[in-house]
Protein backbone atom coordinates (compact mmCIF):
# COMPACT_ATOMS: atom_id res chain seq x y z
CA MET A 1 7.75 -2.14 -4.30
CA THR A 2 6.86 0.72 -1.18
CA PHE A 3 8.09 -1.86 1.49
CA GLY A 4 5.68 -0.03 3.23
CA VAL A 5 7.83 3.18 3.57
CA GLU A 6 4.68 5.28 2.90
CA GLY A 7 5.81 8.46 5.46
CA VAL A 8 1.74 8.21 6.09
CA PRO A 9 0.37 7.44 9.95
CA GLY A 10 -0.95 4.16 10.14
CA TRP A 11 0.87 2.62 7.30
CA GLY A 12 2.62 -0.07 9.96
CA PRO A 13 6.71 0.41 10.76
CA GLU A 14 8.93 1.35 8.52
CA PRO A 15 11.90 -0.85 7.88
CA PRO A 16 15.42 -0.08 7.61
CA ALA A 17 16.70 1.66 4.73
CA GLU A 18 19.52 -0.06 3.86
CA LYS A 19 17.50 -3.06 4.06
CA VAL A 20 15.62 -1.78 1.48
CA LEU A 21 17.62 -1.24 -0.56
CA HIS A 22 19.33 -4.36 -0.96
CA ASP A 23 16.42 -5.84 -0.90
CA ILE A 24 15.36 -4.14 -3.80
CA ALA A 25 18.74 -5.42 -5.44
CA ARG A 26 18.65 -8.71 -4.31
CA ALA A 27 15.31 -8.71 -6.31
CA GLY A 28 17.16 -7.86 -9.88
CA TYR A 29 15.85 -4.28 -9.74
CA ALA A 30 18.18 -1.61 -10.75
CA GLY A 31 16.78 1.33 -10.04
CA THR A 32 14.82 2.86 -6.99
CA GLU A 33 12.62 6.17 -6.54
CA LEU A 34 13.78 8.86 -3.17
CA GLY A 35 11.00 7.44 -1.64
CA PRO A 36 9.40 9.99 0.90
CA TRP A 37 11.67 12.69 2.32
CA GLY A 38 13.69 12.57 5.18
CA TYR A 39 13.87 8.85 5.10
CA LEU A 40 17.11 7.87 1.83
CA PRO A 41 19.87 10.47 3.24
CA ARG A 42 19.44 14.55 2.43
CA GLU A 43 22.84 15.21 1.81
CA PRO A 44 23.88 14.07 -1.91
CA ASP A 45 27.71 11.96 -0.98
CA ALA A 46 25.59 10.14 1.41
CA LEU A 47 22.43 9.41 -1.07
CA SER A 48 25.02 8.63 -3.98
CA ALA A 49 27.38 6.64 -1.90
CA LEU A 50 24.78 4.68 -0.30
CA LEU A 51 22.76 3.74 -3.74
CA ARG A 52 26.22 2.68 -5.45
CA ARG A 53 26.39 0.56 -2.27
CA PHE A 54 23.56 -1.73 -4.12
CA GLY A 55 24.37 -0.93 -7.07
CA LEU A 56 21.01 0.69 -8.19
CA ALA A 57 20.04 4.10 -10.08
CA LEU A 58 17.88 7.18 -8.13
CA THR A 59 15.08 7.46 -10.84
CA ALA A 60 12.48 9.99 -9.78
CA ALA A 61 10.91 11.01 -7.07
CA PHE A 62 7.08 11.79 -5.67
CA VAL A 63 6.23 15.58 -4.34
CA ALA A 64 2.18 15.49 -3.79
CA LEU A 65 1.03 19.24 -3.50
CA ASP A 66 -1.78 20.34 -2.51
CA LEU A 67 -2.99 22.24 -5.58
CA ALA A 68 -6.92 22.71 -4.09
CA GLU A 69 -5.80 27.04 -3.67
CA PRO A 70 -2.72 28.90 -4.94
CA ASP A 71 -1.80 30.38 -1.14
CA ALA A 72 -1.10 26.41 -0.59
CA TRP A 73 0.42 25.09 -3.19
CA ARG A 74 3.07 28.26 -3.29
CA ARG A 75 4.14 27.36 0.40
CA ASP A 76 4.18 23.97 -0.83
CA LEU A 77 6.86 24.67 -3.67
CA ASP A 78 9.59 25.04 -0.60
CA ALA A 79 9.60 21.68 -0.46
CA LEU A 80 9.61 20.80 -4.35
CA GLU A 81 12.74 23.10 -4.42
CA ARG A 82 14.64 19.96 -1.84
CA VAL A 83 13.72 17.53 -3.29
CA ALA A 84 14.79 18.88 -6.97
CA ALA A 85 18.03 20.42 -5.65
CA LEU A 86 18.80 16.61 -4.25
CA LEU A 87 17.97 14.37 -7.14
CA ALA A 88 19.80 17.02 -9.41
CA ALA A 89 22.67 16.07 -7.74
CA THR A 90 22.56 12.58 -7.24
CA GLY A 91 21.66 11.45 -11.01
CA GLY A 92 18.06 11.40 -10.44
CA GLU A 93 15.82 12.28 -13.54
CA ARG A 94 12.13 13.11 -13.22
CA ILE A 95 9.57 14.37 -10.44
CA LEU A 96 6.56 12.98 -10.22
CA LEU A 97 3.81 15.43 -9.34
CA ALA A 98 0.50 14.91 -7.71
CA ASP A 99 -2.04 16.49 -5.51
CA SER A 100 -2.21 16.14 -1.34
CA GLY A 101 -5.38 15.33 -1.41
CA ASP A 102 -7.32 12.53 -0.94
CA GLU A 103 -10.72 10.69 -0.70
CA SER A 104 -11.17 11.52 3.53
CA SER A 105 -9.69 15.43 3.48
CA GLY A 106 -8.91 16.68 -0.41
CA PRO A 107 -10.82 18.12 -2.57
CA SER A 108 -12.64 16.02 -5.16
CA PRO A 109 -12.22 14.68 -8.34
CA GLY A 110 -12.43 17.36 -10.58
CA ALA A 111 -12.21 20.15 -8.41
CA HIS A 112 -10.28 23.63 -8.34
CA GLY A 113 -9.32 23.25 -11.72
CA ALA A 114 -7.23 26.28 -12.80
CA SER A 115 -5.55 26.08 -9.49
CA VAL A 116 -4.49 22.89 -10.32
CA VAL A 117 -3.74 22.98 -13.68
CA GLN A 118 -1.29 26.55 -12.18
CA GLY A 119 0.14 24.14 -9.26
CA LEU A 120 1.34 22.31 -11.63
CA ALA A 121 2.81 24.40 -14.62
CA ALA A 122 4.36 26.39 -11.35
CA ALA A 123 5.93 23.44 -10.12
CA ALA A 124 7.06 22.01 -13.52
CA GLU A 125 9.19 24.98 -14.36
CA VAL A 126 10.89 24.73 -11.10
CA CYS A 127 11.75 20.88 -11.81
CA ALA A 128 12.99 22.79 -15.54
CA ARG A 129 14.72 24.92 -13.74
CA HIS A 130 16.76 22.39 -11.77
CA GLY A 131 17.53 20.12 -15.42
CA LEU A 132 14.77 17.40 -14.45
CA ALA A 133 11.65 16.63 -16.08
CA ALA A 134 8.63 16.64 -14.27
CA ASP A 135 5.51 14.49 -14.97
CA LEU A 136 2.21 14.08 -13.86
CA HIS A 137 0.59 11.17 -10.98
CA PRO A 138 -2.27 10.55 -10.91
CA GLU A 139 -3.86 10.06 -8.18
CA VAL A 140 -6.40 7.95 -6.31
CA GLY A 141 -9.53 10.53 -4.42
CA SER A 142 -7.62 13.54 -5.15
CA ALA A 143 -8.10 16.80 -7.98
CA VAL A 144 -6.67 14.87 -10.55
CA ALA A 145 -7.64 10.98 -10.34
CA THR A 146 -9.98 10.30 -13.81
CA ARG A 147 -9.41 11.23 -17.36
CA GLU A 148 -11.64 13.89 -16.98
CA ASP A 149 -9.36 15.37 -15.13
CA ILE A 150 -5.75 14.00 -16.22
CA GLN A 151 -7.28 15.15 -19.94
CA ARG A 152 -7.23 18.59 -18.43
CA VAL A 153 -4.25 19.37 -16.77
CA LEU A 154 -2.45 17.68 -20.24
CA ASP A 155 -3.54 20.39 -22.13
CA GLY A 156 -3.20 23.11 -20.07
CA VAL A 157 0.40 22.45 -19.50
CA ALA A 158 3.02 21.96 -22.54
CA PRO A 159 3.99 18.40 -23.49
CA GLU A 160 7.95 20.03 -22.94
CA ARG A 161 7.05 20.79 -19.59
CA LEU A 162 4.47 18.21 -17.86
CA GLY A 163 4.40 14.21 -19.26
CA LEU A 164 2.32 11.27 -17.84
CA CYS A 165 3.62 9.00 -14.64
CA LEU A 166 0.87 6.16 -16.14
CA ASP A 167 0.02 4.75 -12.25
CA THR A 168 -1.36 1.45 -13.63
CA GLY A 169 -2.99 1.32 -10.11
CA HIS A 170 -4.55 4.45 -9.25
CA LEU A 171 -6.30 4.51 -13.13
CA ALA A 172 -7.98 1.08 -12.75
CA TYR A 173 -8.88 1.90 -8.83
CA ALA A 174 -10.57 5.16 -10.13
CA GLY A 175 -12.48 3.25 -12.70
CA GLU A 176 -9.94 3.91 -15.55
CA ASP A 177 -8.66 1.55 -18.27
CA PRO A 178 -4.45 1.78 -17.75
CA LEU A 179 -4.39 0.17 -21.26
CA GLU A 180 -7.07 2.65 -22.89
CA ALA A 181 -4.91 5.54 -21.42
CA LEU A 182 -1.55 4.30 -22.79
CA VAL A 183 -3.51 4.33 -26.33
CA ALA A 184 -4.71 7.89 -25.31
CA TRP A 185 -1.50 10.15 -24.18
CA GLY A 186 0.93 7.61 -25.28
CA PRO A 187 3.61 10.46 -26.50
CA ARG A 188 2.85 11.58 -22.82
CA VAL A 189 4.18 9.33 -21.09
CA ARG A 190 7.45 9.03 -19.68
CA HIS A 191 7.09 7.00 -16.65
CA VAL A 192 5.48 4.42 -15.74
CA HIS A 193 4.33 2.55 -11.93
CA LEU A 194 3.08 -0.48 -12.56
CA LYS A 195 0.83 -2.13 -9.92
CA ASP A 196 -1.54 -4.71 -9.81
CA VAL A 197 -5.53 -4.35 -8.69
CA SER A 198 -8.15 -7.35 -6.95
CA ARG A 199 -11.21 -6.10 -8.54
CA ASP A 200 -13.27 -8.31 -6.06
CA VAL A 201 -11.39 -6.42 -2.91
CA LEU A 202 -12.16 -3.26 -5.25
CA ASP A 203 -15.69 -4.14 -5.12
CA PHE A 204 -16.01 -4.41 -1.62
CA VAL A 205 -14.38 -0.98 -0.98
CA ARG A 206 -17.24 0.49 -3.24
CA ALA A 207 -20.18 -1.03 -1.99
CA HIS A 208 -18.43 -0.60 2.01
CA GLY A 209 -17.80 3.15 1.73
CA LEU A 210 -13.84 2.16 2.12
CA ASP A 211 -11.20 5.09 1.68
CA PHE A 212 -8.20 4.23 0.07
CA THR A 213 -6.21 2.68 3.24
CA GLY A 214 -8.87 0.91 4.54
CA ALA A 215 -8.62 -0.22 0.98
CA VAL A 216 -5.10 -1.01 0.88
CA ALA A 217 -5.20 -2.62 4.14
CA ARG A 218 -7.62 -4.67 2.62
CA GLY A 219 -6.09 -5.71 0.10
CA VAL A 220 -6.59 -4.04 -3.05
CA PHE A 221 -3.41 -4.14 -4.62
CA VAL A 222 -2.36 -7.56 -4.87
CA PRO A 223 1.12 -8.68 -6.56
CA LEU A 224 1.80 -7.87 -10.33
CA GLY A 225 -0.27 -10.77 -12.22
CA THR A 226 -2.43 -11.95 -9.72
CA GLY A 227 -5.19 -9.56 -9.87
CA ASP A 228 -7.27 -7.98 -12.51
CA VAL A 229 -5.26 -4.80 -14.76
CA PRO A 230 -4.21 -5.78 -17.79
CA LEU A 231 -0.65 -5.11 -17.24
CA ALA A 232 1.08 -7.92 -19.99
CA ALA A 233 -0.43 -6.11 -22.44
CA VAL A 234 0.20 -2.24 -21.35
CA VAL A 235 4.09 -3.81 -21.07
CA ARG A 236 3.64 -4.99 -24.74
CA ARG A 237 1.70 -1.28 -25.93
CA LEU A 238 4.52 0.39 -24.29
CA GLU A 239 7.12 -1.96 -26.16
CA ALA A 240 5.17 -1.49 -29.27
CA THR A 241 5.79 2.26 -28.74
CA GLY A 242 9.09 2.35 -28.27
CA TYR A 243 9.42 3.10 -25.10
CA ASP A 244 12.56 3.37 -23.00
CA GLY A 245 11.92 4.82 -19.79
CA TRP A 246 11.40 3.31 -16.19
CA LEU A 247 8.78 1.01 -15.09
CA ILE A 248 8.65 1.25 -11.67
CA VAL A 249 7.37 -2.56 -9.70
CA GLU A 250 4.97 -0.52 -7.33
CA GLN A 251 2.79 -2.29 -4.69
CA ASP A 252 1.03 -0.39 -1.99
CA VAL A 253 0.92 -1.95 1.68
CA ILE A 254 0.30 -2.04 4.74
CA LEU A 255 3.02 -4.26 6.21
CA ARG A 256 2.27 -6.97 9.21
CA PRO A 257 5.05 -7.93 11.09
CA TRP A 258 4.01 -11.37 9.32
CA ASP A 259 4.70 -9.74 5.40
CA ASP A 260 7.35 -10.52 3.46
CA PRO A 261 7.52 -7.63 0.76
CA ALA A 262 10.65 -8.02 -0.75
CA ALA A 263 9.33 -12.00 -1.93
CA TRP A 264 6.60 -9.52 -3.13
CA ALA A 265 8.98 -7.16 -4.97
CA GLY A 266 11.17 -10.24 -6.35
CA SER A 267 8.05 -12.15 -7.39
CA GLY A 268 6.86 -8.90 -9.62
CA ARG A 269 10.24 -8.73 -11.07
CA GLU A 270 9.88 -12.36 -12.16
CA PHE A 271 6.33 -11.64 -14.32
CA LEU A 272 8.25 -9.04 -15.82
CA ARG A 273 11.19 -11.59 -16.87
CA ARG A 274 9.22 -13.87 -18.06
CA MET A 275 7.81 -10.66 -20.26
CA GLY A 276 11.23 -10.57 -21.65
CA VAL A 277 11.67 -7.09 -19.73
């Protein structure tokens, strides 16, 4: 659950970190990702103490790099280094690597293929030096969004260096079937983001040419089990293949004053409980 904490202008007010962690723990979750740099403490002891206070594990961090050109992603490796150092010192397990482009400003999907693969390979090496796993995180509208884009990266970086974060929402938004993706890339899937998508809203978004922020504002991502992503089938497939990693419940939202993200987080946890998770 993002709780509106995106570190992106125009995505609404960010609630205090302690309230967010309290609500995550109260909903019954066991861990959380780091979130935008600086939202949670940047000092390892302070971060560890805060997470212990709420009984939460630190699972992963999301880092986007400008993969369009080598000079750009080399500059972004410095930011990756500081995140990796913090995770390594606080029990984090992995870093999710993405392209920072988006529908309005970034490279078009499939563009700059060689630079994308090179940048992700270099970023995965940084993670490995800190004792962390690295996973590709596809992003809507970026240079890695579709099955073709993802396959190009997975073919270009060794499996022992780069896994895949299966994000059901971003895949569905890009027109891909998350279940088919899981079947195709099961051995590379080492982290999972569960999101649900309203097909009706997505159809409206496409018909009216809305960008990703506009789609989120329109409510394209909905509480787990209320949309059109085959989440139950995805979870069953994960269980059948022996997946033993984290299931991170996500719902990208732009918070309005009357919204209650804690209730949405709770409904997502209840959805998984009904499936025996």
